[in-house]
Amino acid sequence: MSLFDIPLHTLTGEPTSLADHRGKAVLVVNVASRCGLTPQYEGLERLQKTYGDRGLTVLGVPCNQFAGQEPGNAEEIGEFCSATYGVTFPLLEKTEVNGEGRHPLYAELTKTADAAGEAGDVQWNFEKFLISPQGEVTRFRPRTEPESAEVVAAIEGLLAA
């Protein structure tokens, strides 16, 4: 099964998959509302606004596995993201990214090594996985800002290809 075929659900419970974004670059990010890294929502939204028309989709995946920093229900998460950060990019349902309940999407994504050559569990909120239109994955750890030179270069490289 390719990454594009893995069943997903939107924050409101509608079925979806990465196939809905086929032909685009997708930046998948596990997000949380009460984390020290939560201001990264601003950079993620700017990426969506800057590159959305060129073929990038930012996809937020709420996760409560890291110190309970995403405790809300779907409605609360959606309201927080919209009201606090003006988020317009799609959000998926709250998902487990590590452990026995790890979602199949993350079972695949976490096989990808980061720049240091380390694969495995998601370290914390706001870990980023950039998926090319062909399904190739580039991994950025949580403290890498969305608008950092390496993330922007990777996005621009995919969109120019």
Protein backbone atom coordinates (compact mmCIF):
# COMPACT_ATOMS: atom_id res chain seq x y z
CA MET A 1 0.00 0.00 0.00
CA SER A 2 1.39 3.40 -0.93
CA LEU A 3 1.19 6.45 1.31
CA PHE A 4 -1.50 7.79 -1.02
CA ASP A 5 -3.81 4.83 -0.33
CA ILE A 6 -3.80 4.89 3.48
CA PRO A 7 -7.30 5.74 4.76
CA LEU A 8 -7.45 8.95 6.80
CA HIS A 9 -10.19 11.09 8.32
CA THR A 10 -10.52 14.85 8.43
CA LEU A 11 -10.91 16.66 11.73
CA THR A 12 -14.67 16.56 11.15
CA GLY A 13 -14.63 12.80 10.54
CA GLU A 14 -14.93 12.75 6.75
CA PRO A 15 -12.96 10.01 4.95
CA THR A 16 -9.93 11.22 3.00
CA SER A 17 -6.46 10.10 1.97
CA LEU A 18 -3.29 11.58 0.58
CA ALA A 19 -4.65 10.59 -2.84
CA ASP A 20 -6.79 13.73 -2.52
CA HIS A 21 -3.49 15.63 -2.82
CA ARG A 22 -1.92 13.50 -5.57
CA GLY A 23 0.37 15.53 -7.80
CA LYS A 24 1.13 17.94 -4.96
CA ALA A 25 3.78 18.15 -2.29
CA VAL A 26 2.31 17.50 1.15
CA LEU A 27 3.86 18.63 4.44
CA VAL A 28 2.44 16.37 7.17
CA VAL A 29 2.93 17.78 10.68
CA ASN A 30 1.76 16.38 14.03
CA VAL A 31 0.40 19.45 15.81
CA ALA A 32 -0.66 20.40 19.33
CA SER A 33 -2.38 23.43 20.82
CA ARG A 34 -0.58 23.63 24.17
CA CYS A 35 3.05 23.09 23.25
CA GLY A 36 6.02 25.41 23.37
CA LEU A 37 6.29 24.81 19.62
CA THR A 38 2.63 25.73 18.94
CA PRO A 39 3.64 29.11 17.42
CA GLN A 40 4.96 27.04 14.49
CA TYR A 41 1.34 27.13 13.29
CA GLU A 42 2.14 30.66 12.05
CA GLY A 43 4.97 29.43 9.83
CA LEU A 44 2.94 26.48 8.61
CA GLU A 45 0.10 28.80 7.60
CA ARG A 46 2.53 31.13 5.81
CA LEU A 47 3.92 28.13 3.89
CA GLN A 48 0.37 27.18 2.89
CA LYS A 49 -0.37 30.72 1.73
CA THR A 50 2.98 31.14 -0.05
CA TYR A 51 3.15 27.76 -1.81
CA GLY A 52 -0.44 26.50 -1.89
CA ASP A 53 -1.09 27.86 -5.38
CA ARG A 54 2.15 26.24 -6.57
CA GLY A 55 1.20 22.77 -5.33
CA LEU A 56 1.92 22.46 -1.59
CA THR A 57 -0.60 21.29 0.94
CA VAL A 58 0.19 21.54 4.64
CA LEU A 59 -1.67 18.82 6.53
CA GLY A 60 -1.98 19.14 10.32
CA VAL A 61 -2.37 15.99 12.38
CA PRO A 62 -3.41 16.74 15.98
CA CYS A 63 -1.76 14.40 18.46
CA ASN A 64 -2.10 14.17 22.25
CA GLN A 65 0.76 11.72 22.87
CA PHE A 66 3.32 14.28 24.04
CA ALA A 67 2.60 15.49 27.59
CA GLY A 68 -1.14 15.74 26.84
CA GLN A 69 -0.60 18.93 24.84
CA GLU A 70 -3.58 18.39 22.50
CA PRO A 71 -6.41 17.54 24.93
CA GLY A 72 -9.32 19.09 23.01
CA ASN A 73 -12.00 17.48 20.91
CA ALA A 74 -12.30 18.09 17.16
CA GLU A 75 -14.43 21.20 17.54
CA GLU A 76 -12.08 22.73 20.15
CA ILE A 77 -9.00 21.98 18.03
CA GLY A 78 -10.57 23.47 14.91
CA GLU A 79 -11.69 26.59 16.77
CA PHE A 80 -8.27 27.08 18.38
CA CYS A 81 -6.42 26.74 15.08
CA SER A 82 -8.76 29.06 13.24
CA ALA A 83 -9.16 31.73 15.92
CA THR A 84 -5.60 31.78 17.24
CA TYR A 85 -3.53 31.20 14.10
CA GLY A 86 -5.93 31.68 11.19
CA VAL A 87 -5.21 28.17 9.98
CA THR A 88 -6.67 27.46 6.54
CA PHE A 89 -4.81 24.23 5.77
CA PRO A 90 -6.59 20.90 6.34
CA LEU A 91 -6.49 19.14 9.69
CA LEU A 92 -6.95 15.43 10.25
CA GLU A 93 -8.58 13.74 13.21
CA LYS A 94 -6.56 13.37 16.41
CA THR A 95 -4.07 10.59 15.72
CA GLU A 96 -1.47 8.48 17.53
CA VAL A 97 1.93 8.80 15.87
CA ASN A 98 3.90 6.40 18.10
CA GLY A 99 3.35 3.16 19.99
CA GLU A 100 0.93 0.27 19.59
CA GLY A 101 -1.87 2.55 18.35
CA ARG A 102 0.34 4.27 15.77
CA HIS A 103 -1.70 5.21 12.71
CA PRO A 104 -0.67 3.37 9.51
CA LEU A 105 0.33 6.71 7.95
CA TYR A 106 2.88 7.23 10.71
CA ALA A 107 3.96 3.59 10.58
CA GLU A 108 5.14 4.40 7.05
CA LEU A 109 6.41 7.94 7.64
CA THR A 110 8.57 7.00 10.64
CA LYS A 111 10.55 4.56 8.48
CA THR A 112 12.14 7.67 6.93
CA ALA A 113 15.42 8.85 8.44
CA ASP A 114 16.08 12.48 9.26
CA ALA A 115 19.17 14.44 8.12
CA ALA A 116 21.23 12.72 10.84
CA GLY A 117 20.21 9.30 9.49
CA GLU A 118 17.84 8.48 12.36
CA ALA A 119 14.47 6.89 11.66
CA GLY A 120 11.92 5.66 14.22
CA ASP A 121 9.48 7.30 16.57
CA VAL A 122 8.29 10.87 16.24
CA GLN A 123 10.27 12.83 18.86
CA TRP A 124 7.71 15.49 19.79
CA ASN A 125 4.95 17.73 18.47
CA PHE A 126 5.57 19.49 15.15
CA GLU A 127 7.73 16.83 13.52
CA LYS A 128 7.48 17.39 9.76
CA PHE A 129 7.34 14.95 6.86
CA LEU A 130 7.50 16.42 3.35
CA ILE A 131 6.01 14.02 0.82
CA SER A 132 6.84 14.54 -2.84
CA PRO A 133 4.20 14.06 -5.55
CA GLN A 134 5.89 10.69 -6.21
CA GLY A 135 5.62 9.63 -2.55
CA GLU A 136 9.23 10.19 -1.48
CA VAL A 137 9.56 11.45 2.10
CA THR A 138 11.93 13.98 3.69
CA ARG A 139 11.88 14.25 7.48
CA PHE A 140 12.43 17.32 9.64
CA ARG A 141 12.54 17.14 13.43
CA PRO A 142 10.24 19.24 15.67
CA ARG A 143 12.57 22.14 16.38
CA THR A 144 13.16 22.75 12.67
CA GLU A 145 11.04 25.81 11.98
CA PRO A 146 8.55 25.48 9.11
CA GLU A 147 10.15 28.41 7.27
CA SER A 148 13.74 27.32 7.90
CA ALA A 149 16.11 27.37 4.95
CA GLU A 150 16.19 23.56 4.71
CA VAL A 151 12.40 23.13 4.71
CA VAL A 152 11.84 25.95 2.22
CA ALA A 153 14.61 24.62 -0.08
CA ALA A 154 13.07 21.14 0.02
CA ILE A 155 9.60 22.51 -0.79
CA GLU A 156 10.88 24.72 -3.59
CA GLY A 157 12.87 21.80 -5.00
CA LEU A 158 9.71 19.68 -5.21
CA LEU A 159 7.61 22.46 -6.69
CA ALA A 160 10.23 23.30 -9.32
CA ALA A 161 10.56 19.66 -10.44
